[in-house]
């Protein structure tokens, strides 16, 4: 069965929320099983793809923040949200299909994980 854009967005949002709840505690297999119970009706491949996309978003956010931190002197501060789009444009290009709020949350996670 072909899924609508809304249904696909629901799956991505669920995967995003699951990642935020569990961060690095879930294996890929465990995440897929949880997604199946929370948003039934997708294929195994769709669940895996959603989880991989969300992991990619958070991983890329961490990489961008780490790169920024190494390019700037110690003590340089960055204020979120990224109104000057220092990270957002590149993160959006690397990881399409997320909401502006999700990109902001991924960057916030990146700052917490990569710097502090």
C-alpha atoms as a PDB file:
ATOM      1  CA  UNK A   1       0.000   0.000   0.000  1.00  0.00           C
ATOM      2  CA  UNK A   2       1.371   3.403  -1.003  1.00  0.00           C
ATOM      3  CA  UNK A   3       1.656   5.811   1.917  1.00  0.00           C
ATOM      4  CA  UNK A   4       0.619   9.453   1.765  1.00  0.00           C
ATOM      5  CA  UNK A   5       3.013  12.282   2.530  1.00  0.00           C
ATOM      6  CA  UNK A   6       1.234  12.792   5.852  1.00  0.00           C
ATOM      7  CA  UNK A   7       1.684   9.148   6.795  1.00  0.00           C
ATOM      8  CA  UNK A   8       5.375   9.269   5.877  1.00  0.00           C
ATOM      9  CA  UNK A   9       5.790  12.448   7.937  1.00  0.00           C
ATOM     10  CA  UNK A  10       4.115  10.703  10.866  1.00  0.00           C
ATOM     11  CA  UNK A  11       6.667   7.885  10.647  1.00  0.00           C
ATOM     12  CA  UNK A  12       9.618  10.292  10.472  1.00  0.00           C
ATOM     13  CA  UNK A  13       8.220  12.314  13.380  1.00  0.00           C
ATOM     14  CA  UNK A  14       7.754   9.158  15.436  1.00  0.00           C
ATOM     15  CA  UNK A  15      11.323   8.051  14.666  1.00  0.00           C
ATOM     16  CA  UNK A  16      12.586  11.535  15.562  1.00  0.00           C
ATOM     17  CA  UNK A  17      10.713  11.507  18.877  1.00  0.00           C
ATOM     18  CA  UNK A  18      11.919   7.986  19.628  1.00  0.00           C
ATOM     19  CA  UNK A  19      15.520   9.024  19.057  1.00  0.00           C
ATOM     20  CA  UNK A  20      15.100  11.991  21.393  1.00  0.00           C
ATOM     21  CA  UNK A  21      13.567   9.753  24.074  1.00  0.00           C
ATOM     22  CA  UNK A  22      16.166   7.007  23.827  1.00  0.00           C
ATOM     23  CA  UNK A  23      19.154   8.793  22.233  1.00  0.00           C
ATOM     24  CA  UNK A  24      21.905   6.214  21.915  1.00  0.00           C
ATOM     25  CA  UNK A  25      20.371   3.483  24.060  1.00  0.00           C
ATOM     26  CA  UNK A  26      18.491   1.722  21.261  1.00  0.00           C
ATOM     27  CA  UNK A  27      19.947  -0.576  18.680  1.00  0.00           C
ATOM     28  CA  UNK A  28      18.675  -0.224  15.132  1.00  0.00           C
ATOM     29  CA  UNK A  29      16.704  -3.444  15.497  1.00  0.00           C
ATOM     30  CA  UNK A  30      15.095  -2.310  18.772  1.00  0.00           C
ATOM     31  CA  UNK A  31      14.187   1.051  17.243  1.00  0.00           C
ATOM     32  CA  UNK A  32      12.521  -0.595  14.250  1.00  0.00           C
ATOM     33  CA  UNK A  33      10.504  -2.872  16.524  1.00  0.00           C
ATOM     34  CA  UNK A  34       9.316   0.102  18.591  1.00  0.00           C
ATOM     35  CA  UNK A  35       8.401   2.038  15.456  1.00  0.00           C
ATOM     36  CA  UNK A  36       6.320  -0.923  14.288  1.00  0.00           C
ATOM     37  CA  UNK A  37       4.242  -0.766  17.451  1.00  0.00           C
ATOM     38  CA  UNK A  38       3.918   3.030  17.500  1.00  0.00           C
ATOM     39  CA  UNK A  39       3.150   3.571  13.816  1.00  0.00           C
ATOM     40  CA  UNK A  40       1.883   0.300  12.314  1.00  0.00           C
ATOM     41  CA  UNK A  41       1.386  -0.355   8.632  1.00  0.00           C
ATOM     42  CA  UNK A  42       4.763   0.344   7.060  1.00  0.00           C
ATOM     43  CA  UNK A  43       7.235  -2.073   5.554  1.00  0.00           C
ATOM     44  CA  UNK A  44      10.412  -3.187   7.300  1.00  0.00           C
ATOM     45  CA  UNK A  45      12.360  -1.137   4.772  1.00  0.00           C
ATOM     46  CA  UNK A  46      10.331   2.012   5.526  1.00  0.00           C
ATOM     47  CA  UNK A  47      10.904   1.656   9.269  1.00  0.00           C
ATOM     48  CA  UNK A  48      14.621   1.140   8.716  1.00  0.00           C
ATOM     49  CA  UNK A  49      14.793   4.090   6.344  1.00  0.00           C
ATOM     50  CA  UNK A  50      13.016   6.400   8.797  1.00  0.00           C
ATOM     51  CA  UNK A  51      15.355   5.388  11.617  1.00  0.00           C
ATOM     52  CA  UNK A  52      18.427   5.766   9.398  1.00  0.00           C
ATOM     53  CA  UNK A  53      17.307   9.214   8.262  1.00  0.00           C
ATOM     54  CA  UNK A  54      16.806  10.392  11.832  1.00  0.00           C
ATOM     55  CA  UNK A  55      20.155   8.977  12.947  1.00  0.00           C
ATOM     56  CA  UNK A  56      21.735  10.726   9.958  1.00  0.00           C
ATOM     57  CA  UNK A  57      20.153  14.037  10.951  1.00  0.00           C
ATOM     58  CA  UNK A  58      21.532  13.868  14.483  1.00  0.00           C
ATOM     59  CA  UNK A  59      24.925  12.560  13.355  1.00  0.00           C
ATOM     60  CA  UNK A  60      25.281  15.353  10.791  1.00  0.00           C
ATOM     61  CA  UNK A  61      24.226  17.961  13.358  1.00  0.00           C
ATOM     62  CA  UNK A  62      26.991  16.706  15.659  1.00  0.00           C
ATOM     63  CA  UNK A  63      29.555  16.804  12.842  1.00  0.00           C
ATOM     64  CA  UNK A  64      28.615  20.364  11.879  1.00  0.00           C
ATOM     65  CA  UNK A  65      28.811  21.574  15.465  1.00  0.00           C
ATOM     66  CA  UNK A  66      32.110  19.793  16.060  1.00  0.00           C
ATOM     67  CA  UNK A  67      33.567  21.348  12.919  1.00  0.00           C
ATOM     68  CA  UNK A  68      32.361  24.778  14.049  1.00  0.00           C
ATOM     69  CA  UNK A  69      33.846  24.244  17.514  1.00  0.00           C
ATOM     70  CA  UNK A  70      37.250  23.306  16.092  1.00  0.00           C
ATOM     71  CA  UNK A  71      37.217  26.269  13.685  1.00  0.00           C
ATOM     72  CA  UNK A  72      36.482  28.834  16.414  1.00  0.00           C
ATOM     73  CA  UNK A  73      38.568  29.869  19.419  1.00  0.00           C
ATOM     74  CA  UNK A  74      37.772  28.344  22.798  1.00  0.00           C
ATOM     75  CA  UNK A  75      35.058  30.260  24.591  1.00  0.00           C
ATOM     76  CA  UNK A  76      33.284  31.330  21.407  1.00  0.00           C
ATOM     77  CA  UNK A  77      29.563  31.119  22.008  1.00  0.00           C
ATOM     78  CA  UNK A  78      26.797  30.182  19.633  1.00  0.00           C
ATOM     79  CA  UNK A  79      23.199  31.040  20.293  1.00  0.00           C
ATOM     80  CA  UNK A  80      20.354  28.812  19.208  1.00  0.00           C
ATOM     81  CA  UNK A  81      18.120  28.959  17.271  1.00  0.00           C
ATOM     82  CA  UNK A  82      20.362  29.378  14.247  1.00  0.00           C
ATOM     83  CA  UNK A  83      18.816  32.605  12.943  1.00  0.00           C
ATOM     84  CA  UNK A  84      21.847  33.351  10.756  1.00  0.00           C
ATOM     85  CA  UNK A  85      21.548  29.879   9.207  1.00  0.00           C
ATOM     86  CA  UNK A  86      25.166  29.040   9.945  1.00  0.00           C
ATOM     87  CA  UNK A  87      24.232  25.361  10.182  1.00  0.00           C
ATOM     88  CA  UNK A  88      20.645  25.138   9.004  1.00  0.00           C
ATOM     89  CA  UNK A  89      21.233  25.478   5.275  1.00  0.00           C
ATOM     90  CA  UNK A  90      23.889  22.772   5.219  1.00  0.00           C
ATOM     91  CA  UNK A  91      21.946  20.490   7.563  1.00  0.00           C
ATOM     92  CA  UNK A  92      18.824  20.929   5.431  1.00  0.00           C
ATOM     93  CA  UNK A  93      20.813  20.059   2.326  1.00  0.00           C
ATOM     94  CA  UNK A  94      22.361  16.982   3.948  1.00  0.00           C
ATOM     95  CA  UNK A  95      19.135  15.731   5.537  1.00  0.00           C
ATOM     96  CA  UNK A  96      15.980  16.643   3.684  1.00  0.00           C
ATOM     97  CA  UNK A  97      12.427  16.190   4.880  1.00  0.00           C
ATOM     98  CA  UNK A  98      12.432  17.448   8.453  1.00  0.00           C
ATOM     99  CA  UNK A  99      10.615  20.388  10.012  1.00  0.00           C
ATOM    100  CA  UNK A 100      12.416  23.604  11.009  1.00  0.00           C
ATOM    101  CA  UNK A 101      11.832  22.686  14.660  1.00  0.00           C
ATOM    102  CA  UNK A 102      13.407  19.265  14.144  1.00  0.00           C
ATOM    103  CA  UNK A 103      16.508  20.826  12.580  1.00  0.00           C
ATOM    104  CA  UNK A 104      16.785  23.199  15.535  1.00  0.00           C
ATOM    105  CA  UNK A 105      16.400  20.343  18.015  1.00  0.00           C
ATOM    106  CA  UNK A 106      19.023  18.294  16.187  1.00  0.00           C
ATOM    107  CA  UNK A 107      21.462  21.222  16.381  1.00  0.00           C
ATOM    108  CA  UNK A 108      20.738  21.663  20.064  1.00  0.00           C
ATOM    109  CA  UNK A 109      21.489  17.961  20.545  1.00  0.00           C
ATOM    110  CA  UNK A 110      24.685  18.434  18.515  1.00  0.00           C
ATOM    111  CA  UNK A 111      25.869  21.208  20.803  1.00  0.00           C
ATOM    112  CA  UNK A 112      25.149  19.166  23.912  1.00  0.00           C
ATOM    113  CA  UNK A 113      26.804  16.057  22.503  1.00  0.00           C
ATOM    114  CA  UNK A 114      29.767  17.507  20.583  1.00  0.00           C
ATOM    115  CA  UNK A 115      30.893  20.300  22.872  1.00  0.00           C
ATOM    116  CA  UNK A 116      29.572  19.933  26.377  1.00  0.00           C
END
